[in-house]
Amino acid sequence: QVQLIESGGGLAQAGGSLRLSCAASGRTFSRDAMGWFRQAPGKERAFVAAINWIPGSTYYADSVKGRFTISRDNEKNTVYLQMNSLKPEDTAVYYCARKNTPVNSSTYYRVSSYNYWGQGTQVTVSS
């Protein structure tokens, strides 16, 4: 069983930055993928970013391109989401997710593609 523990959420001002971390424990797979999703009140969970462990290809939602960066540390089994130039509309609960196989252009954005989920961390951006 894989466990995902998110950290790094909190309160930021518009234009500020936060970095989220997601540490994976338990059984891991060398060719799996990690993703970040977010869910604002009254809205569906939405894709933010994803990364394949190998070869490290990344995917981003249009709304965060150029502002957010996903990265991973294979030795620590940890994935990060660096969020810069934050906007009030970035306010949401952010979830880390893990997929047992690599994502591709048809699967990276689908909630149903991912096998494991973290408990979520709140990010609030004030204007």
Foldseek 3Di string as FASTA:
>chain_A
DKAKAKDWADEAAQQAKIKMKIFIDDDAAQFKKKFKWWDDPPGDIWGAKMFTNVPTDMDGDPVQPPFWDWDDDVVRNMIMIIGGNDDQVVWTWMKMFMARHYDDPVQRTDPVRTDDIHPTDTHGYHD
